[in-house]
Full PDB file with SEQRES, HELIX, SHEET, SSBOND, CRYST1, ORIGX, SCALE, CONECT and MASTER records, all heavy atoms in Angstrom:
SEQRES   1 A   32  SER PRO ASP VAL SER ASN ILE ASN GLN GLU ALA LEU PHE          
SEQRES   2 A   32  LEU THR THR LYS ALA THR GLU MET PHE VAL GLN HIS LEU          
SEQRES   3 A   32  ALA LEU SER SER PHE ASN                                      
HELIX    1 AA1 GLN A    9  PHE A   31  1                                  23    
CRYST1    1.000    1.000    1.000  90.00  90.00  90.00 P 1           1          
ORIGX1      1.000000  0.000000  0.000000        0.00000                         
ORIGX2      0.000000  1.000000  0.000000        0.00000                         
ORIGX3      0.000000  0.000000  1.000000        0.00000                         
SCALE1      1.000000  0.000000  0.000000        0.00000                         
SCALE2      0.000000  1.000000  0.000000        0.00000                         
SCALE3      0.000000  0.000000  1.000000        0.00000                         
ATOM      1  N   SER A   1      96.409  96.406 150.139  1.00  0.00           N  
ATOM      2  CA  SER A   1      95.893  96.647 148.791  1.00  0.00           C  
ATOM      3  C   SER A   1      95.534  95.313 148.142  1.00  0.00           C  
ATOM      4  O   SER A   1      96.346  94.376 148.152  1.00  0.00           O  
ATOM      5  CB  SER A   1      96.936  97.364 147.940  1.00  0.00           C  
ATOM      6  OG  SER A   1      96.510  97.429 146.597  1.00  0.00           O  
ATOM      7  N   PRO A   2      94.356  95.210 147.550  1.00  0.00           N  
ATOM      8  CA  PRO A   2      93.975  93.946 146.905  1.00  0.00           C  
ATOM      9  C   PRO A   2      94.803  93.646 145.651  1.00  0.00           C  
ATOM     10  O   PRO A   2      94.869  92.502 145.218  1.00  0.00           O  
ATOM     11  CB  PRO A   2      92.504  94.149 146.543  1.00  0.00           C  
ATOM     12  CG  PRO A   2      92.288  95.613 146.560  1.00  0.00           C  
ATOM     13  CD  PRO A   2      93.292  96.198 147.502  1.00  0.00           C  
ATOM     14  N   ASP A   3      95.473  94.660 145.118  1.00  0.00           N  
ATOM     15  CA  ASP A   3      96.284  94.460 143.919  1.00  0.00           C  
ATOM     16  C   ASP A   3      97.654  93.861 144.223  1.00  0.00           C  
ATOM     17  O   ASP A   3      98.356  93.439 143.314  1.00  0.00           O  
ATOM     18  CB  ASP A   3      96.492  95.793 143.186  1.00  0.00           C  
ATOM     19  CG  ASP A   3      95.172  96.399 142.744  1.00  0.00           C  
ATOM     20  OD1 ASP A   3      94.209  95.634 142.520  1.00  0.00           O  
ATOM     21  OD2 ASP A   3      95.105  97.639 142.637  1.00  0.00           O  
ATOM     22  N   VAL A   4      98.039  93.839 145.489  1.00  0.00           N  
ATOM     23  CA  VAL A   4      99.359  93.359 145.872  1.00  0.00           C  
ATOM     24  C   VAL A   4      99.247  91.941 146.403  1.00  0.00           C  
ATOM     25  O   VAL A   4      98.529  91.672 147.354  1.00  0.00           O  
ATOM     26  CB  VAL A   4      99.986  94.281 146.945  1.00  0.00           C  
ATOM     27  CG1 VAL A   4     101.322  93.733 147.413  1.00  0.00           C  
ATOM     28  CG2 VAL A   4     100.146  95.681 146.402  1.00  0.00           C  
ATOM     29  N   SER A   5      99.998  91.038 145.767  1.00  0.00           N  
ATOM     30  CA  SER A   5      99.991  89.657 146.243  1.00  0.00           C  
ATOM     31  C   SER A   5     101.329  89.273 146.856  1.00  0.00           C  
ATOM     32  O   SER A   5     101.389  88.554 147.842  1.00  0.00           O  
ATOM     33  CB  SER A   5      99.649  88.699 145.101  1.00  0.00           C  
ATOM     34  OG  SER A   5     100.605  88.825 144.071  1.00  0.00           O  
ATOM     35  N   ASN A   6     102.417  89.761 146.284  1.00  0.00           N  
ATOM     36  CA  ASN A   6     103.745  89.416 146.756  1.00  0.00           C  
ATOM     37  C   ASN A   6     104.594  90.675 146.785  1.00  0.00           C  
ATOM     38  O   ASN A   6     104.556  91.477 145.860  1.00  0.00           O  
ATOM     39  CB  ASN A   6     104.371  88.367 145.832  1.00  0.00           C  
ATOM     40  CG  ASN A   6     105.567  87.702 146.449  1.00  0.00           C  
ATOM     41  OD1 ASN A   6     105.838  87.884 147.636  1.00  0.00           O  
ATOM     42  ND2 ASN A   6     106.288  86.946 145.647  1.00  0.00           N  
ATOM     43  N   ILE A   7     105.381  90.844 147.851  1.00  0.00           N  
ATOM     44  CA  ILE A   7     106.200  92.044 147.993  1.00  0.00           C  
ATOM     45  C   ILE A   7     107.668  91.645 148.042  1.00  0.00           C  
ATOM     46  O   ILE A   7     108.098  90.920 148.935  1.00  0.00           O  
ATOM     47  CB  ILE A   7     105.826  92.830 149.264  1.00  0.00           C  
ATOM     48  CG1 ILE A   7     104.350  93.208 149.231  1.00  0.00           C  
ATOM     49  CG2 ILE A   7     106.693  94.065 149.411  1.00  0.00           C  
ATOM     50  CD1 ILE A   7     103.833  93.782 150.523  1.00  0.00           C  
ATOM     51  N   ASN A   8     108.420  92.148 147.090  1.00  0.00           N  
ATOM     52  CA  ASN A   8     109.854  91.926 147.018  1.00  0.00           C  
ATOM     53  C   ASN A   8     110.530  92.716 148.145  1.00  0.00           C  
ATOM     54  O   ASN A   8     110.151  93.845 148.431  1.00  0.00           O  
ATOM     55  CB  ASN A   8     110.324  92.403 145.635  1.00  0.00           C  
ATOM     56  CG  ASN A   8     111.774  92.174 145.384  1.00  0.00           C  
ATOM     57  OD1 ASN A   8     112.593  92.201 146.295  1.00  0.00           O  
ATOM     58  ND2 ASN A   8     112.104  91.962 144.123  1.00  0.00           N  
ATOM     59  N   GLN A   9     111.561  92.147 148.789  1.00  0.00           N  
ATOM     60  CA  GLN A   9     112.261  92.824 149.877  1.00  0.00           C  
ATOM     61  C   GLN A   9     112.861  94.155 149.437  1.00  0.00           C  
ATOM     62  O   GLN A   9     112.826  95.134 150.167  1.00  0.00           O  
ATOM     63  CB  GLN A   9     113.361  91.930 150.448  1.00  0.00           C  
ATOM     64  CG  GLN A   9     112.879  90.899 151.441  1.00  0.00           C  
ATOM     65  CD  GLN A   9     112.198  91.523 152.636  1.00  0.00           C  
ATOM     66  OE1 GLN A   9     110.998  91.356 152.811  1.00  0.00           O  
ATOM     67  NE2 GLN A   9     112.926  92.244 153.453  1.00  0.00           N  
ATOM     68  N   GLU A  10     113.429  94.177 148.230  1.00  0.00           N  
ATOM     69  CA  GLU A  10     114.038  95.410 147.735  1.00  0.00           C  
ATOM     70  C   GLU A  10     112.964  96.489 147.522  1.00  0.00           C  
ATOM     71  O   GLU A  10     113.166  97.657 147.844  1.00  0.00           O  
ATOM     72  CB  GLU A  10     114.804  95.182 146.429  1.00  0.00           C  
ATOM     73  CG  GLU A  10     116.079  94.376 146.602  1.00  0.00           C  
ATOM     74  CD  GLU A  10     115.854  92.871 146.632  1.00  0.00           C  
ATOM     75  OE1 GLU A  10     114.747  92.414 146.256  1.00  0.00           O  
ATOM     76  OE2 GLU A  10     116.773  92.153 147.044  1.00  0.00           O  
ATOM     77  N   ALA A  11     111.827  96.089 146.972  1.00  0.00           N  
ATOM     78  CA  ALA A  11     110.736  97.034 146.752  1.00  0.00           C  
ATOM     79  C   ALA A  11     110.203  97.553 148.088  1.00  0.00           C  
ATOM     80  O   ALA A  11     109.895  98.747 148.221  1.00  0.00           O  
ATOM     81  CB  ALA A  11     109.612  96.382 145.961  1.00  0.00           C  
ATOM     82  N   LEU A  12     110.115  96.687 149.061  1.00  0.00           N  
ATOM     83  CA  LEU A  12     109.652  97.083 150.387  1.00  0.00           C  
ATOM     84  C   LEU A  12     110.621  98.083 151.014  1.00  0.00           C  
ATOM     85  O   LEU A  12     110.204  99.111 151.555  1.00  0.00           O  
ATOM     86  CB  LEU A  12     109.506  95.849 151.276  1.00  0.00           C  
ATOM     87  CG  LEU A  12     109.032  96.068 152.703  1.00  0.00           C  
ATOM     88  CD1 LEU A  12     107.650  96.703 152.709  1.00  0.00           C  
ATOM     89  CD2 LEU A  12     109.015  94.753 153.454  1.00  0.00           C  
ATOM     90  N   PHE A  13     111.907  97.802 150.934  1.00  0.00           N  
ATOM     91  CA  PHE A  13     112.912  98.706 151.481  1.00  0.00           C  
ATOM     92  C   PHE A  13     112.856 100.065 150.784  1.00  0.00           C  
ATOM     93  O   PHE A  13     112.869 101.110 151.435  1.00  0.00           O  
ATOM     94  CB  PHE A  13     114.316  98.100 151.343  1.00  0.00           C  
ATOM     95  CG  PHE A  13     115.397  99.020 151.808  1.00  0.00           C  
ATOM     96  CD1 PHE A  13     115.701  99.121 153.155  1.00  0.00           C  
ATOM     97  CD2 PHE A  13     116.104  99.798 150.911  1.00  0.00           C  
ATOM     98  CE1 PHE A  13     116.690  99.987 153.595  1.00  0.00           C  
ATOM     99  CE2 PHE A  13     117.096 100.667 151.343  1.00  0.00           C  
ATOM    100  CZ  PHE A  13     117.388 100.763 152.690  1.00  0.00           C  
ATOM    101  N   LEU A  14     112.804 100.044 149.443  1.00  0.00           N  
ATOM    102  CA  LEU A  14     112.789 101.300 148.694  1.00  0.00           C  
ATOM    103  C   LEU A  14     111.518 102.111 148.952  1.00  0.00           C  
ATOM    104  O   LEU A  14     111.566 103.334 149.046  1.00  0.00           O  
ATOM    105  CB  LEU A  14     112.957 101.033 147.202  1.00  0.00           C  
ATOM    106  CG  LEU A  14     114.344 100.542 146.786  1.00  0.00           C  
ATOM    107  CD1 LEU A  14     114.349 100.160 145.314  1.00  0.00           C  
ATOM    108  CD2 LEU A  14     115.398 101.590 147.074  1.00  0.00           C  
ATOM    109  N   THR A  15     110.388 101.440 149.087  1.00  0.00           N  
ATOM    110  CA  THR A  15     109.137 102.137 149.395  1.00  0.00           C  
ATOM    111  C   THR A  15     109.210 102.781 150.773  1.00  0.00           C  
ATOM    112  O   THR A  15     108.791 103.929 150.965  1.00  0.00           O  
ATOM    113  CB  THR A  15     107.945 101.162 149.329  1.00  0.00           C  
ATOM    114  OG1 THR A  15     107.889 100.597 148.016  1.00  0.00           O  
ATOM    115  CG2 THR A  15     106.638 101.850 149.648  1.00  0.00           C  
ATOM    116  N   THR A  16     109.761 102.048 151.732  1.00  0.00           N  
ATOM    117  CA  THR A  16     109.912 102.588 153.086  1.00  0.00           C  
ATOM    118  C   THR A  16     110.849 103.786 153.092  1.00  0.00           C  
ATOM    119  O   THR A  16     110.546 104.823 153.692  1.00  0.00           O  
ATOM    120  CB  THR A  16     110.434 101.494 154.035  1.00  0.00           C  
ATOM    121  OG1 THR A  16     109.557 100.368 153.979  1.00  0.00           O  
ATOM    122  CG2 THR A  16     110.513 101.990 155.460  1.00  0.00           C  
ATOM    123  N   LYS A  17     111.970 103.662 152.402  1.00  0.00           N  
ATOM    124  CA  LYS A  17     112.942 104.752 152.352  1.00  0.00           C  
ATOM    125  C   LYS A  17     112.359 105.978 151.636  1.00  0.00           C  
ATOM    126  O   LYS A  17     112.525 107.111 152.086  1.00  0.00           O  
ATOM    127  CB  LYS A  17     114.222 104.290 151.661  1.00  0.00           C  
ATOM    128  CG  LYS A  17     115.371 105.242 151.808  1.00  0.00           C  
ATOM    129  CD  LYS A  17     115.776 105.361 153.260  1.00  0.00           C  
ATOM    130  CE  LYS A  17     116.971 106.287 153.419  1.00  0.00           C  
ATOM    131  NZ  LYS A  17     117.261 106.541 154.819  1.00  0.00           N  
ATOM    132  N   ALA A  18     111.641 105.750 150.533  1.00  0.00           N  
ATOM    133  CA  ALA A  18     111.019 106.855 149.795  1.00  0.00           C  
ATOM    134  C   ALA A  18     109.964 107.554 150.657  1.00  0.00           C  
ATOM    135  O   ALA A  18     109.845 108.786 150.623  1.00  0.00           O  
ATOM    136  CB  ALA A  18     110.399 106.343 148.502  1.00  0.00           C  
ATOM    137  N   THR A  19     109.221 106.794 151.433  1.00  0.00           N  
ATOM    138  CA  THR A  19     108.220 107.372 152.326  1.00  0.00           C  
ATOM    139  C   THR A  19     108.879 108.246 153.382  1.00  0.00           C  
ATOM    140  O   THR A  19     108.420 109.358 153.663  1.00  0.00           O  
ATOM    141  CB  THR A  19     107.390 106.261 152.996  1.00  0.00           C  
ATOM    142  OG1 THR A  19     106.787 105.463 151.985  1.00  0.00           O  
ATOM    143  CG2 THR A  19     106.319 106.834 153.906  1.00  0.00           C  
ATOM    144  N   GLU A  20     109.968 107.754 153.950  1.00  0.00           N  
ATOM    145  CA  GLU A  20     110.707 108.544 154.931  1.00  0.00           C  
ATOM    146  C   GLU A  20     111.222 109.843 154.318  1.00  0.00           C  
ATOM    147  O   GLU A  20     111.134 110.906 154.931  1.00  0.00           O  
ATOM    148  CB  GLU A  20     111.886 107.751 155.481  1.00  0.00           C  
ATOM    149  CG  GLU A  20     111.498 106.673 156.426  1.00  0.00           C  
ATOM    150  CD  GLU A  20     112.699 105.926 156.986  1.00  0.00           C  
ATOM    151  OE1 GLU A  20     113.852 106.269 156.626  1.00  0.00           O  
ATOM    152  OE2 GLU A  20     112.479 105.010 157.770  1.00  0.00           O  
ATOM    153  N   MET A  21     111.761 109.747 153.123  1.00  0.00           N  
ATOM    154  CA  MET A  21     112.303 110.934 152.465  1.00  0.00           C  
ATOM    155  C   MET A  21     111.198 111.935 152.155  1.00  0.00           C  
ATOM    156  O   MET A  21     111.380 113.145 152.302  1.00  0.00           O  
ATOM    157  CB  MET A  21     113.059 110.532 151.198  1.00  0.00           C  
ATOM    158  CG  MET A  21     114.334 109.761 151.493  1.00  0.00           C  
ATOM    159  SD  MET A  21     115.124 109.095 150.033  1.00  0.00           S  
ATOM    160  CE  MET A  21     115.698 110.584 149.245  1.00  0.00           C  
ATOM    161  N   PHE A  22     110.037 111.441 151.742  1.00  0.00           N  
ATOM    162  CA  PHE A  22     108.899 112.324 151.461  1.00  0.00           C  
ATOM    163  C   PHE A  22     108.434 113.026 152.730  1.00  0.00           C  
ATOM    164  O   PHE A  22     108.197 114.239 152.728  1.00  0.00           O  
ATOM    165  CB  PHE A  22     107.744 111.544 150.839  1.00  0.00           C  
ATOM    166  CG  PHE A  22     106.499 112.363 150.712  1.00  0.00           C  
ATOM    167  CD1 PHE A  22     106.390 113.317 149.718  1.00  0.00           C  
ATOM    168  CD2 PHE A  22     105.456 112.213 151.613  1.00  0.00           C  
ATOM    169  CE1 PHE A  22     105.252 114.111 149.611  1.00  0.00           C  
ATOM    170  CE2 PHE A  22     104.321 112.986 151.514  1.00  0.00           C  
ATOM    171  CZ  PHE A  22     104.213 113.944 150.507  1.00  0.00           C  
ATOM    172  N   VAL A  23     108.300 112.292 153.814  1.00  0.00           N  
ATOM    173  CA  VAL A  23     107.848 112.884 155.075  1.00  0.00           C  
ATOM    174  C   VAL A  23     108.859 113.930 155.550  1.00  0.00           C  
ATOM    175  O   VAL A  23     108.484 115.010 156.011  1.00  0.00           O  
ATOM    176  CB  VAL A  23     107.610 111.794 156.141  1.00  0.00           C  
ATOM    177  CG1 VAL A  23     107.381 112.393 157.512  1.00  0.00           C  
ATOM    178  CG2 VAL A  23     106.438 110.915 155.743  1.00  0.00           C  
ATOM    179  N   GLN A  24     110.142 113.615 155.394  1.00  0.00           N  
ATOM    180  CA  GLN A  24     111.178 114.571 155.785  1.00  0.00           C  
ATOM    181  C   GLN A  24     111.099 115.832 154.923  1.00  0.00           C  
ATOM    182  O   GLN A  24     111.188 116.955 155.428  1.00  0.00           O  
ATOM    183  CB  GLN A  24     112.554 113.933 155.663  1.00  0.00           C  
ATOM    184  CG  GLN A  24     113.679 114.840 156.107  1.00  0.00           C  
ATOM    185  CD  GLN A  24     115.037 114.177 155.995  1.00  0.00           C  
ATOM    186  OE1 GLN A  24     115.220 113.254 155.219  1.00  0.00           O  
ATOM    187  NE2 GLN A  24     115.978 114.658 156.770  1.00  0.00           N  
ATOM    188  N   HIS A  25     110.907 115.673 153.628  1.00  0.00           N  
ATOM    189  CA  HIS A  25     110.797 116.816 152.719  1.00  0.00           C  
ATOM    190  C   HIS A  25     109.569 117.665 153.059  1.00  0.00           C  
ATOM    191  O   HIS A  25     109.647 118.904 153.087  1.00  0.00           O  
ATOM    192  CB  HIS A  25     110.742 116.326 151.272  1.00  0.00           C  
ATOM    193  CG  HIS A  25     110.623 117.403 150.248  1.00  0.00           C  
ATOM    194  ND1 HIS A  25     111.589 118.370 150.066  1.00  0.00           N  
ATOM    195  CD2 HIS A  25     109.643 117.691 149.361  1.00  0.00           C  
ATOM    196  CE1 HIS A  25     111.213 119.199 149.109  1.00  0.00           C  
ATOM    197  NE2 HIS A  25     110.029 118.806 148.668  1.00  0.00           N  
ATOM    198  N   LEU A  26     108.455 117.026 153.331  1.00  0.00           N  
ATOM    199  CA  LEU A  26     107.237 117.746 153.718  1.00  0.00           C  
ATOM    200  C   LEU A  26     107.461 118.511 155.014  1.00  0.00           C  
ATOM    201  O   LEU A  26     107.089 119.690 155.125  1.00  0.00           O  
ATOM    202  CB  LEU A  26     106.069 116.768 153.873  1.00  0.00           C  
ATOM    203  CG  LEU A  26     104.767 117.339 154.430  1.00  0.00           C  
ATOM    204  CD1 LEU A  26     104.207 118.419 153.511  1.00  0.00           C  
ATOM    205  CD2 LEU A  26     103.740 116.231 154.636  1.00  0.00           C  
ATOM    206  N   ALA A  27     108.077 117.872 155.985  1.00  0.00           N  
ATOM    207  CA  ALA A  27     108.317 118.529 157.272  1.00  0.00           C  
ATOM    208  C   ALA A  27     109.271 119.711 157.124  1.00  0.00           C  
ATOM    209  O   ALA A  27     109.025 120.789 157.678  1.00  0.00           O  
ATOM    210  CB  ALA A  27     108.866 117.527 158.281  1.00  0.00           C  
ATOM    211  N   LEU A  28     110.351 119.533 156.369  1.00  0.00           N  
ATOM    212  CA  LEU A  28     111.309 120.622 156.182  1.00  0.00           C  
ATOM    213  C   LEU A  28     110.695 121.791 155.413  1.00  0.00           C  
ATOM    214  O   LEU A  28     110.887 122.951 155.778  1.00  0.00           O  
ATOM    215  CB  LEU A  28     112.560 120.120 155.465  1.00  0.00           C  
ATOM    216  CG  LEU A  28     113.508 119.274 156.308  1.00  0.00           C  
ATOM    217  CD1 LEU A  28     114.612 118.687 155.445  1.00  0.00           C  
ATOM    218  CD2 LEU A  28     114.098 120.089 157.437  1.00  0.00           C  
ATOM    219  N   SER A  29     109.949 121.489 154.367  1.00  0.00           N  
ATOM    220  CA  SER A  29     109.291 122.545 153.603  1.00  0.00           C  
ATOM    221  C   SER A  29     108.275 123.283 154.460  1.00  0.00           C  
ATOM    222  O   SER A  29     108.173 124.511 154.402  1.00  0.00           O  
ATOM    223  CB  SER A  29     108.592 121.966 152.376  1.00  0.00           C  
ATOM    224  OG  SER A  29     109.526 121.449 151.481  1.00  0.00           O  
ATOM    225  N   SER A  30     107.525 122.543 155.242  1.00  0.00           N  
ATOM    226  CA  SER A  30     106.520 123.152 156.118  1.00  0.00           C  
ATOM    227  C   SER A  30     107.194 124.029 157.170  1.00  0.00           C  
ATOM    228  O   SER A  30     106.741 125.139 157.453  1.00  0.00           O  
ATOM    229  CB  SER A  30     105.683 122.083 156.808  1.00  0.00           C  
ATOM    230  OG  SER A  30     105.002 121.309 155.864  1.00  0.00           O  
ATOM    231  N   PHE A  31     108.286 123.542 157.729  1.00  0.00           N  
ATOM    232  CA  PHE A  31     108.993 124.301 158.759  1.00  0.00           C  
ATOM    233  C   PHE A  31     109.612 125.566 158.176  1.00  0.00           C  
ATOM    234  O   PHE A  31     109.540 126.636 158.780  1.00  0.00           O  
ATOM    235  CB  PHE A  31     110.074 123.443 159.412  1.00  0.00           C  
ATOM    236  CG  PHE A  31     110.812 124.152 160.512  1.00  0.00           C  
ATOM    237  CD1 PHE A  31     110.227 124.324 161.751  1.00  0.00           C  
ATOM    238  CD2 PHE A  31     112.080 124.660 160.307  1.00  0.00           C  
ATOM    239  CE1 PHE A  31     110.893 124.989 162.765  1.00  0.00           C  
ATOM    240  CE2 PHE A  31     112.760 125.313 161.306  1.00  0.00           C  
ATOM    241  CZ  PHE A  31     112.165 125.482 162.545  1.00  0.00           C  
ATOM    242  N   ASN A  32     110.215 125.458 156.996  1.00  0.00           N  
ATOM    243  CA  ASN A  32     110.849 126.624 156.379  1.00  0.00           C  
ATOM    244  C   ASN A  32     109.843 127.698 156.001  1.00  0.00           C  
ATOM    245  O   ASN A  32     110.186 128.876 155.975  1.00  0.00           O  
ATOM    246  CB  ASN A  32     111.658 126.208 155.148  1.00  0.00           C  
ATOM    247  CG  ASN A  32     112.900 125.453 155.525  1.00  0.00           C  
ATOM    248  OD1 ASN A  32     113.432 125.603 156.617  1.00  0.00           O  
ATOM    249  ND2 ASN A  32     113.372 124.610 154.628  1.00  0.00           N  
TER     250      ASN A  32                                                      
MASTER        0    0    0    1    0    0    0    6  249    1    0    3          
END                                                                             
């Protein structure tokens, strides 16, 4: 993204974790 110049480690970790949780929620909802 051209708007991002510096990425904080905590923000990177939280974004990764949130993405995983979203994908898991989508998969579980789709499966159910």
